[in-house]
């Protein structure tokens, strides 16, 4: 019971704690939209910390993305740069 609550609650807390500063700082390295390096770096950081503290890395990174998408107000579309990715066929 406690382990499941820690895995879910900790992941949501971690994603929120990393997503809030990212939403304020993304796109500030260079003017305009956030770069791919920023986006992937934060995803890998979030996943690594989640694995290290023993919470769901998938839920943590999804929560971070939700927070960034909803709170990044200094540009219209966060992660606009990843629109160029193609799905494997």
PDB file of N, CA and C in Angstrom:
ATOM      1  N   UNK A   1       0.825  -1.194   0.000  1.00  0.00           N
ATOM      2  CA  UNK A   1       0.000   0.000   0.000  1.00  0.00           C
ATOM      3  C   UNK A   1       0.872   1.262   0.000  1.00  0.00           C
ATOM      4  N   UNK A   2       1.798   1.307   0.930  1.00  0.00           N
ATOM      5  CA  UNK A   2       2.671   2.488   1.027  1.00  0.00           C
ATOM      6  C   UNK A   2       3.595   2.568  -0.190  1.00  0.00           C
ATOM      7  N   UNK A   3       4.064   1.415  -0.667  1.00  0.00           N
ATOM      8  CA  UNK A   3       4.950   1.405  -1.833  1.00  0.00           C
ATOM      9  C   UNK A   3       4.262   1.929  -3.076  1.00  0.00           C
ATOM     10  N   UNK A   4       3.008   1.547  -3.270  1.00  0.00           N
ATOM     11  CA  UNK A   4       2.254   2.031  -4.425  1.00  0.00           C
ATOM     12  C   UNK A   4       1.965   3.518  -4.339  1.00  0.00           C
ATOM     13  N   UNK A   5       1.643   3.973  -3.139  1.00  0.00           N
ATOM     14  CA  UNK A   5       1.381   5.402  -2.948  1.00  0.00           C
ATOM     15  C   UNK A   5       2.644   6.215  -3.188  1.00  0.00           C
ATOM     16  N   UNK A   6       3.798   5.690  -2.739  1.00  0.00           N
ATOM     17  CA  UNK A   6       5.057   6.393  -2.970  1.00  0.00           C
ATOM     18  C   UNK A   6       5.379   6.437  -4.455  1.00  0.00           C
ATOM     19  N   UNK A   7       5.170   5.306  -5.150  1.00  0.00           N
ATOM     20  CA  UNK A   7       5.504   5.251  -6.574  1.00  0.00           C
ATOM     21  C   UNK A   7       4.666   6.254  -7.372  1.00  0.00           C
ATOM     22  N   UNK A   8       3.374   6.341  -7.104  1.00  0.00           N
ATOM     23  CA  UNK A   8       2.513   7.262  -7.848  1.00  0.00           C
ATOM     24  C   UNK A   8       2.658   8.703  -7.364  1.00  0.00           C
ATOM     25  N   UNK A   9       2.551   8.902  -6.062  1.00  0.00           N
ATOM     26  CA  UNK A   9       2.652  10.259  -5.514  1.00  0.00           C
ATOM     27  C   UNK A   9       4.018  10.881  -5.719  1.00  0.00           C
ATOM     28  N   UNK A  10       5.056  10.072  -5.546  1.00  0.00           N
ATOM     29  CA  UNK A  10       6.413  10.571  -5.755  1.00  0.00           C
ATOM     30  C   UNK A  10       6.672  10.951  -7.197  1.00  0.00           C
ATOM     31  N   UNK A  11       6.118  10.170  -8.118  1.00  0.00           N
ATOM     32  CA  UNK A  11       6.284  10.481  -9.538  1.00  0.00           C
ATOM     33  C   UNK A  11       5.589  11.777  -9.904  1.00  0.00           C
ATOM     34  N   UNK A  12       4.384  11.963  -9.398  1.00  0.00           N
ATOM     35  CA  UNK A  12       3.652  13.210  -9.679  1.00  0.00           C
ATOM     36  C   UNK A  12       4.359  14.397  -9.043  1.00  0.00           C
ATOM     37  N   UNK A  13       4.852  14.223  -7.839  1.00  0.00           N
ATOM     38  CA  UNK A  13       5.583  15.301  -7.167  1.00  0.00           C
ATOM     39  C   UNK A  13       6.872  15.637  -7.909  1.00  0.00           C
ATOM     40  N   UNK A  14       7.621  14.619  -8.310  1.00  0.00           N
ATOM     41  CA  UNK A  14       8.867  14.853  -9.048  1.00  0.00           C
ATOM     42  C   UNK A  14       8.603  15.548 -10.373  1.00  0.00           C
ATOM     43  N   UNK A  15       7.617  15.080 -11.121  1.00  0.00           N
ATOM     44  CA  UNK A  15       7.286  15.717 -12.393  1.00  0.00           C
ATOM     45  C   UNK A  15       6.867  17.159 -12.227  1.00  0.00           C
ATOM     46  N   UNK A  16       6.126  17.440 -11.173  1.00  0.00           N
ATOM     47  CA  UNK A  16       5.708  18.823 -10.910  1.00  0.00           C
ATOM     48  C   UNK A  16       6.890  19.693 -10.504  1.00  0.00           C
ATOM     49  N   UNK A  17       7.752  19.153  -9.648  1.00  0.00           N
ATOM     50  CA  UNK A  17       8.907  19.928  -9.183  1.00  0.00           C
ATOM     51  C   UNK A  17       9.896  20.233 -10.299  1.00  0.00           C
ATOM     52  N   UNK A  18      10.044  19.336 -11.263  1.00  0.00           N
ATOM     53  CA  UNK A  18      10.937  19.607 -12.381  1.00  0.00           C
ATOM     54  C   UNK A  18      10.229  20.371 -13.505  1.00  0.00           C
ATOM     55  N   UNK A  19       8.930  20.208 -13.629  1.00  0.00           N
ATOM     56  CA  UNK A  19       8.183  20.866 -14.692  1.00  0.00           C
ATOM     57  C   UNK A  19       8.004  22.358 -14.476  1.00  0.00           C
ATOM     58  N   UNK A  20       7.824  22.780 -13.230  1.00  0.00           N
ATOM     59  CA  UNK A  20       7.622  24.216 -12.971  1.00  0.00           C
ATOM     60  C   UNK A  20       8.834  25.061 -13.365  1.00  0.00           C
ATOM     61  N   UNK A  21      10.056  24.719 -12.908  1.00  0.00           N
ATOM     62  CA  UNK A  21      11.194  25.531 -13.374  1.00  0.00           C
ATOM     63  C   UNK A  21      11.435  25.398 -14.868  1.00  0.00           C
ATOM     64  N   UNK A  22      11.174  24.204 -15.416  1.00  0.00           N
ATOM     65  CA  UNK A  22      11.372  24.033 -16.853  1.00  0.00           C
ATOM     66  C   UNK A  22      10.410  24.909 -17.638  1.00  0.00           C
ATOM     67  N   UNK A  23       9.181  25.038 -17.169  1.00  0.00           N
ATOM     68  CA  UNK A  23       8.216  25.864 -17.893  1.00  0.00           C
ATOM     69  C   UNK A  23       8.611  27.335 -17.878  1.00  0.00           C
ATOM     70  N   UNK A  24       9.316  27.764 -16.849  1.00  0.00           N
ATOM     71  CA  UNK A  24       9.763  29.153 -16.783  1.00  0.00           C
ATOM     72  C   UNK A  24      11.064  29.379 -17.536  1.00  0.00           C
ATOM     73  N   UNK A  25      11.922  28.357 -17.617  1.00  0.00           N
ATOM     74  CA  UNK A  25      13.258  28.529 -18.184  1.00  0.00           C
ATOM     75  C   UNK A  25      13.407  28.014 -19.604  1.00  0.00           C
ATOM     76  N   UNK A  26      12.492  27.191 -20.082  1.00  0.00           N
ATOM     77  CA  UNK A  26      12.659  26.641 -21.425  1.00  0.00           C
ATOM     78  C   UNK A  26      12.576  27.741 -22.462  1.00  0.00           C
ATOM     79  N   UNK A  27      13.439  27.659 -23.427  1.00  0.00           N
ATOM     80  CA  UNK A  27      13.481  28.673 -24.465  1.00  0.00           C
ATOM     81  C   UNK A  27      14.283  29.901 -24.086  1.00  0.00           C
ATOM     82  N   UNK A  28      14.895  29.896 -22.932  1.00  0.00           N
ATOM     83  CA  UNK A  28      15.668  31.063 -22.491  1.00  0.00           C
ATOM     84  C   UNK A  28      17.143  30.951 -22.857  1.00  0.00           C
ATOM     85  N   UNK A  29      17.591  29.740 -23.219  1.00  0.00           N
ATOM     86  CA  UNK A  29      18.997  29.591 -23.617  1.00  0.00           C
ATOM     87  C   UNK A  29      19.238  30.357 -24.908  1.00  0.00           C
ATOM     88  N   UNK A  30      18.363  30.158 -25.865  1.00  0.00           N
ATOM     89  CA  UNK A  30      18.376  30.921 -27.106  1.00  0.00           C
ATOM     90  C   UNK A  30      17.010  31.558 -27.256  1.00  0.00           C
ATOM     91  N   UNK A  31      16.967  32.679 -27.901  1.00  0.00           N
ATOM     92  CA  UNK A  31      15.685  33.360 -28.075  1.00  0.00           C
ATOM     93  C   UNK A  31      14.728  32.491 -28.885  1.00  0.00           C
ATOM     94  N   UNK A  32      13.472  32.534 -28.542  1.00  0.00           N
ATOM     95  CA  UNK A  32      12.473  31.795 -29.301  1.00  0.00           C
ATOM     96  C   UNK A  32      12.053  30.516 -28.632  1.00  0.00           C
ATOM     97  N   UNK A  33      11.832  29.494 -29.420  1.00  0.00           N
ATOM     98  CA  UNK A  33      11.326  28.223 -28.930  1.00  0.00           C
ATOM     99  C   UNK A  33      12.422  27.446 -28.200  1.00  0.00           C
ATOM    100  N   UNK A  34      12.018  26.527 -27.316  1.00  0.00           N
ATOM    101  CA  UNK A  34      13.015  25.706 -26.627  1.00  0.00           C
ATOM    102  C   UNK A  34      13.733  24.795 -27.614  1.00  0.00           C
ATOM    103  N   UNK A  35      14.962  24.485 -27.302  1.00  0.00           N
ATOM    104  CA  UNK A  35      15.733  23.635 -28.191  1.00  0.00           C
ATOM    105  C   UNK A  35      15.504  22.170 -27.851  1.00  0.00           C
ATOM    106  N   UNK A  36      15.846  21.311 -28.780  1.00  0.00           N
ATOM    107  CA  UNK A  36      15.710  19.878 -28.577  1.00  0.00           C
ATOM    108  C   UNK A  36      16.598  19.406 -27.431  1.00  0.00           C
ATOM    109  N   UNK A  37      17.753  20.020 -27.266  1.00  0.00           N
ATOM    110  CA  UNK A  37      18.668  19.642 -26.195  1.00  0.00           C
ATOM    111  C   UNK A  37      18.030  19.907 -24.835  1.00  0.00           C
ATOM    112  N   UNK A  38      17.358  21.040 -24.697  1.00  0.00           N
ATOM    113  CA  UNK A  38      16.671  21.348 -23.439  1.00  0.00           C
ATOM    114  C   UNK A  38      15.595  20.315 -23.142  1.00  0.00           C
ATOM    115  N   UNK A  39      14.781  20.020 -24.124  1.00  0.00           N
ATOM    116  CA  UNK A  39      13.659  19.103 -23.925  1.00  0.00           C
ATOM    117  C   UNK A  39      14.155  17.697 -23.571  1.00  0.00           C
ATOM    118  N   UNK A  40      15.079  17.168 -24.365  1.00  0.00           N
ATOM    119  CA  UNK A  40      15.574  15.825 -24.098  1.00  0.00           C
ATOM    120  C   UNK A  40      16.381  15.764 -22.806  1.00  0.00           C
ATOM    121  N   UNK A  41      17.137  16.796 -22.524  1.00  0.00           N
ATOM    122  CA  UNK A  41      17.902  16.827 -21.279  1.00  0.00           C
ATOM    123  C   UNK A  41      17.010  16.763 -20.056  1.00  0.00           C
ATOM    124  N   UNK A  42      15.929  17.513 -20.061  1.00  0.00           N
ATOM    125  CA  UNK A  42      15.017  17.489 -18.920  1.00  0.00           C
ATOM    126  C   UNK A  42      14.273  16.162 -18.823  1.00  0.00           C
ATOM    127  N   UNK A  43      13.904  15.574 -19.949  1.00  0.00           N
ATOM    128  CA  UNK A  43      13.236  14.265 -19.914  1.00  0.00           C
ATOM    129  C   UNK A  43      14.180  13.220 -19.333  1.00  0.00           C
ATOM    130  N   UNK A  44      15.436  13.216 -19.785  1.00  0.00           N
ATOM    131  CA  UNK A  44      16.401  12.248 -19.262  1.00  0.00           C
ATOM    132  C   UNK A  44      16.708  12.506 -17.787  1.00  0.00           C
ATOM    133  N   UNK A  45      16.803  13.765 -17.395  1.00  0.00           N
ATOM    134  CA  UNK A  45      17.032  14.096 -15.990  1.00  0.00           C
ATOM    135  C   UNK A  45      15.879  13.603 -15.126  1.00  0.00           C
ATOM    136  N   UNK A  46      14.663  13.874 -15.569  1.00  0.00           N
ATOM    137  CA  UNK A  46      13.489  13.453 -14.820  1.00  0.00           C
ATOM    138  C   UNK A  46      13.422  11.932 -14.704  1.00  0.00           C
ATOM    139  N   UNK A  47      13.654  11.238 -15.803  1.00  0.00           N
ATOM    140  CA  UNK A  47      13.618   9.775 -15.785  1.00  0.00           C
ATOM    141  C   UNK A  47      14.720   9.208 -14.897  1.00  0.00           C
ATOM    142  N   UNK A  48      15.900   9.780 -14.966  1.00  0.00           N
ATOM    143  CA  UNK A  48      17.008   9.300 -14.136  1.00  0.00           C
ATOM    144  C   UNK A  48      16.761   9.491 -12.660  1.00  0.00           C
ATOM    145  N   UNK A  49      16.267  10.655 -12.280  1.00  0.00           N
ATOM    146  CA  UNK A  49      15.969  10.905 -10.873  1.00  0.00           C
ATOM    147  C   UNK A  49      14.835   9.995 -10.407  1.00  0.00           C
ATOM    148  N   UNK A  50      13.854   9.779 -11.260  1.00  0.00           N
ATOM    149  CA  UNK A  50      12.733   8.903 -10.902  1.00  0.00           C
ATOM    150  C   UNK A  50      13.221   7.481 -10.645  1.00  0.00           C
ATOM    151  N   UNK A  51      14.086   6.978 -11.492  1.00  0.00           N
ATOM    152  CA  UNK A  51      14.632   5.636 -11.288  1.00  0.00           C
ATOM    153  C   UNK A  51      15.468   5.603 -10.012  1.00  0.00           C
ATOM    154  N   UNK A  52      16.223   6.649  -9.784  1.00  0.00           N
ATOM    155  CA  UNK A  52      17.100   6.714  -8.615  1.00  0.00           C
ATOM    156  C   UNK A  52      16.310   6.693  -7.309  1.00  0.00           C
ATOM    157  N   UNK A  53      15.178   7.413  -7.258  1.00  0.00           N
ATOM    158  CA  UNK A  53      14.393   7.452  -6.018  1.00  0.00           C
ATOM    159  C   UNK A  53      13.316   6.379  -5.977  1.00  0.00           C
ATOM    160  N   UNK A  54      13.179   5.612  -7.045  1.00  0.00           N
ATOM    161  CA  UNK A  54      12.276   4.475  -7.036  1.00  0.00           C
ATOM    162  C   UNK A  54      10.821   4.785  -7.307  1.00  0.00           C
ATOM    163  N   UNK A  55      10.568   5.706  -8.223  1.00  0.00           N
ATOM    164  CA  UNK A  55       9.187   6.011  -8.611  1.00  0.00           C
ATOM    165  C   UNK A  55       9.023   5.744 -10.104  1.00  0.00           C
ATOM    166  N   UNK A  56       7.797   5.833 -10.587  1.00  0.00           N
ATOM    167  CA  UNK A  56       7.510   5.563 -11.991  1.00  0.00           C
ATOM    168  C   UNK A  56       8.100   6.656 -12.882  1.00  0.00           C
ATOM    169  N   UNK A  57       9.061   6.286 -13.712  1.00  0.00           N
ATOM    170  CA  UNK A  57       9.675   7.282 -14.589  1.00  0.00           C
ATOM    171  C   UNK A  57       8.716   7.716 -15.693  1.00  0.00           C
ATOM    172  N   UNK A  58       7.840   6.817 -16.117  1.00  0.00           N
ATOM    173  CA  UNK A  58       6.878   7.165 -17.158  1.00  0.00           C
ATOM    174  C   UNK A  58       5.888   8.211 -16.650  1.00  0.00           C
ATOM    175  N   UNK A  59       5.355   8.005 -15.468  1.00  0.00           N
ATOM    176  CA  UNK A  59       4.410   8.955 -14.894  1.00  0.00           C
ATOM    177  C   UNK A  59       5.094  10.278 -14.557  1.00  0.00           C
ATOM    178  N   UNK A  60       6.329  10.233 -14.087  1.00  0.00           N
ATOM    179  CA  UNK A  60       7.057  11.457 -13.752  1.00  0.00           C
ATOM    180  C   UNK A  60       7.307  12.313 -14.989  1.00  0.00           C
ATOM    181  N   UNK A  61       7.746  11.690 -16.081  1.00  0.00           N
ATOM    182  CA  UNK A  61       8.017  12.470 -17.291  1.00  0.00           C
ATOM    183  C   UNK A  61       6.728  12.961 -17.940  1.00  0.00           C
ATOM    184  N   UNK A  62       5.668  12.167 -17.856  1.00  0.00           N
ATOM    185  CA  UNK A  62       4.374  12.627 -18.385  1.00  0.00           C
ATOM    186  C   UNK A  62       3.853  13.816 -17.578  1.00  0.00           C
ATOM    187  N   UNK A  63       3.988  13.758 -16.266  1.00  0.00           N
ATOM    188  CA  UNK A  63       3.559  14.873 -15.420  1.00  0.00           C
ATOM    189  C   UNK A  63       4.374  16.119 -15.719  1.00  0.00           C
ATOM    190  N   UNK A  64       5.681  15.961 -15.913  1.00  0.00           N
ATOM    191  CA  UNK A  64       6.521  17.106 -16.244  1.00  0.00           C
ATOM    192  C   UNK A  64       6.077  17.730 -17.565  1.00  0.00           C
ATOM    193  N   UNK A  65       5.779  16.914 -18.554  1.00  0.00           N
ATOM    194  CA  UNK A  65       5.302  17.434 -19.835  1.00  0.00           C
ATOM    195  C   UNK A  65       3.978  18.157 -19.723  1.00  0.00           C
ATOM    196  N   UNK A  66       3.081  17.624 -18.914  1.00  0.00           N
ATOM    197  CA  UNK A  66       1.779  18.277 -18.702  1.00  0.00           C
ATOM    198  C   UNK A  66       1.965  19.632 -18.038  1.00  0.00           C
ATOM    199  N   UNK A  67       2.830  19.686 -17.029  1.00  0.00           N
ATOM    200  CA  UNK A  67       3.078  20.952 -16.328  1.00  0.00           C
ATOM    201  C   UNK A  67       3.681  21.975 -17.279  1.00  0.00           C
ATOM    202  N   UNK A  68       4.654  21.561 -18.074  1.00  0.00           N
ATOM    203  CA  UNK A  68       5.285  22.493 -19.012  1.00  0.00           C
ATOM    204  C   UNK A  68       4.275  22.969 -20.058  1.00  0.00           C
ATOM    205  N   UNK A  69       3.484  22.053 -20.587  1.00  0.00           N
ATOM    206  CA  UNK A  69       2.509  22.432 -21.614  1.00  0.00           C
ATOM    207  C   UNK A  69       1.470  23.409 -21.081  1.00  0.00           C
ATOM    208  N   UNK A  70       1.145  23.319 -19.810  1.00  0.00           N
ATOM    209  CA  UNK A  70       0.107  24.185 -19.249  1.00  0.00           C
ATOM    210  C   UNK A  70       0.636  25.476 -18.645  1.00  0.00           C
ATOM    211  N   UNK A  71       1.907  25.509 -18.244  1.00  0.00           N
ATOM    212  CA  UNK A  71       2.420  26.695 -17.560  1.00  0.00           C
ATOM    213  C   UNK A  71       3.433  27.511 -18.354  1.00  0.00           C
ATOM    214  N   UNK A  72       3.937  27.025 -19.472  1.00  0.00           N
ATOM    215  CA  UNK A  72       4.911  27.784 -20.268  1.00  0.00           C
ATOM    216  C   UNK A  72       4.154  28.839 -21.066  1.00  0.00           C
ATOM    217  N   UNK A  73       4.136  30.049 -20.582  1.00  0.00           N
ATOM    218  CA  UNK A  73       3.361  31.128 -21.207  1.00  0.00           C
ATOM    219  C   UNK A  73       4.205  32.059 -22.063  1.00  0.00           C
ATOM    220  N   UNK A  74       5.541  31.930 -22.035  1.00  0.00           N
ATOM    221  CA  UNK A  74       6.375  32.865 -22.779  1.00  0.00           C
ATOM    222  C   UNK A  74       6.560  32.458 -24.240  1.00  0.00           C
ATOM    223  N   UNK A  75       6.049  31.323 -24.632  1.00  0.00           N
ATOM    224  CA  UNK A  75       5.998  30.958 -26.042  1.00  0.00           C
ATOM    225  C   UNK A  75       4.730  30.147 -26.269  1.00  0.00           C
ATOM    226  N   UNK A  76       4.276  30.144 -27.497  1.00  0.00           N
ATOM    227  CA  UNK A  76       2.973  29.561 -27.787  1.00  0.00           C
ATOM    228  C   UNK A  76       2.951  28.050 -27.673  1.00  0.00           C
ATOM    229  N   UNK A  77       3.937  27.382 -28.219  1.00  0.00           N
ATOM    230  CA  UNK A  77       3.925  25.924 -28.220  1.00  0.00           C
ATOM    231  C   UNK A  77       5.234  25.390 -27.666  1.00  0.00           C
ATOM    232  N   UNK A  78       5.240  24.941 -26.416  1.00  0.00           N
ATOM    233  CA  UNK A  78       6.453  24.305 -25.911  1.00  0.00           C
ATOM    234  C   UNK A  78       6.756  23.065 -26.748  1.00  0.00           C
ATOM    235  N   UNK A  79       8.007  22.779 -26.932  1.00  0.00           N
ATOM    236  CA  UNK A  79       8.466  21.620 -27.677  1.00  0.00           C
ATOM    237  C   UNK A  79       8.062  21.681 -29.142  1.00  0.00           C
ATOM    238  N   UNK A  80       7.944  22.869 -29.699  1.00  0.00           N
ATOM    239  CA  UNK A  80       7.638  23.009 -31.116  1.00  0.00           C
ATOM    240  C   UNK A  80       8.705  22.318 -31.961  1.00  0.00           C
ATOM    241  N   UNK A  81       9.904  22.254 -31.441  1.00  0.00           N
ATOM    242  CA  UNK A  81      11.016  21.678 -32.190  1.00  0.00           C
ATOM    243  C   UNK A  81      10.831  20.177 -32.416  1.00  0.00           C
ATOM    244  N   UNK A  82      10.105  19.482 -31.561  1.00  0.00           N
ATOM    245  CA  UNK A  82       9.967  18.038 -31.747  1.00  0.00           C
ATOM    246  C   UNK A  82       8.862  17.683 -32.729  1.00  0.00           C
ATOM    247  N   UNK A  83       8.179  18.668 -33.296  1.00  0.00           N
ATOM    248  CA  UNK A  83       7.186  18.387 -34.327  1.00  0.00           C
ATOM    249  C   UNK A  83       7.826  17.794 -35.576  1.00  0.00           C
ATOM    250  N   UNK A  84       9.115  18.014 -35.759  1.00  0.00           N
ATOM    251  CA  UNK A  84       9.807  17.510 -36.939  1.00  0.00           C
ATOM    252  C   UNK A  84      10.167  16.044 -36.871  1.00  0.00           C
ATOM    253  N   UNK A  85       9.982  15.413 -35.714  1.00  0.00           N
ATOM    254  CA  UNK A  85      10.277  13.982 -35.603  1.00  0.00           C
ATOM    255  C   UNK A  85       9.308  13.169 -36.436  1.00  0.00           C
ATOM    256  N   UNK A  86       9.815  12.102 -36.986  1.00  0.00           N
ATOM    257  CA  UNK A  86       8.955  11.190 -37.744  1.00  0.00           C
ATOM    258  C   UNK A  86       8.823   9.891 -36.959  1.00  0.00           C
ATOM    259  N   UNK A  87       7.622   9.340 -36.954  1.00  0.00           N
ATOM    260  CA  UNK A  87       7.386   8.077 -36.284  1.00  0.00           C
ATOM    261  C   UNK A  87       7.957   6.948 -37.126  1.00  0.00           C
ATOM    262  N   UNK A  88       8.449   5.914 -36.471  1.00  0.00           N
ATOM    263  CA  UNK A  88       8.950   4.772 -37.242  1.00  0.00           C
ATOM    264  C   UNK A  88       7.806   4.105 -38.010  1.00  0.00           C
ATOM    265  N   UNK A  89       8.111   3.660 -39.206  1.00  0.00           N
ATOM    266  CA  UNK A  89       7.039   3.043 -40.010  1.00  0.00           C
ATOM    267  C   UNK A  89       7.110   1.535 -39.975  1.00  0.00           C
TER     268      UNK A  89
END
